[in-house]
């Protein structure tokens, strides 16, 4: 296992500046966001994959270990065209993991299976793995449903975000059964009342999480993923998280 951080930790910075900031904080592995609502959009990637490859070239001290892809349009021919473009970008930049979101709660299960099978087929053709994010309000909200999606879609994996099971309506739910499906993990500190708090002031058991991942021979990133809190030094929080995670490895 190794430590990484998402460029989303600096949501107000352009991609290159966010990369530079993380490099300055001594992170060497990063997750890059490809979000339609952001500045580096899948629709633009689909228009010019070669240009996107150039934009994704990181400073020599950084390695991209995952792309977070949010298409933000309903499944359609255009939807899968954009998804394929993101897969081509990942293959060209030698990134294996694509992180994406499940559909909203209320989506018919069979409809979600069909969508995920199409996406997984495209990803697999390009030598990639999809990590579906576990999160409240989505079809991965309940651990049993998240596991079922992986069982019904060969090759589908999970991006585990433990904060959703340590905060809010799912506080305290047992999610141990998900560890065998994990291909990526996002970390911050959380309490029952607050999704994100300062590092060290929450209830996330990082040591136990690492132990569970080791049980299933997980050998990929522990990715810091949290936005700036008001009046809190984000640089200091990211340094603290890096040192904490490194101490567990």
Foldseek 3Di string as FASTA:
>chain_A
DAAEAELVQEQVDPPQVSLVLVVVLVGAEYEYEAECPHDNHLVVLLVPVPVVLVVPDGPPSHAYAEYEHHNPDPDDPVSVSSLLSVLVSCLVSVHAEYEYEAAFPPPDPVVSLVVVQSSQVSNVVSNHAYAYEQAPRHQNVDLVSVVVSPVSHDRHAHAYECLSCAEDPNDPPDNLVRLLRHQHYEDAFHHHHGSHDQPPPHDDPLLVSVVSNVVNPHDDYHYYYDYDDPPDDSSVSVSVVNVVNVVND
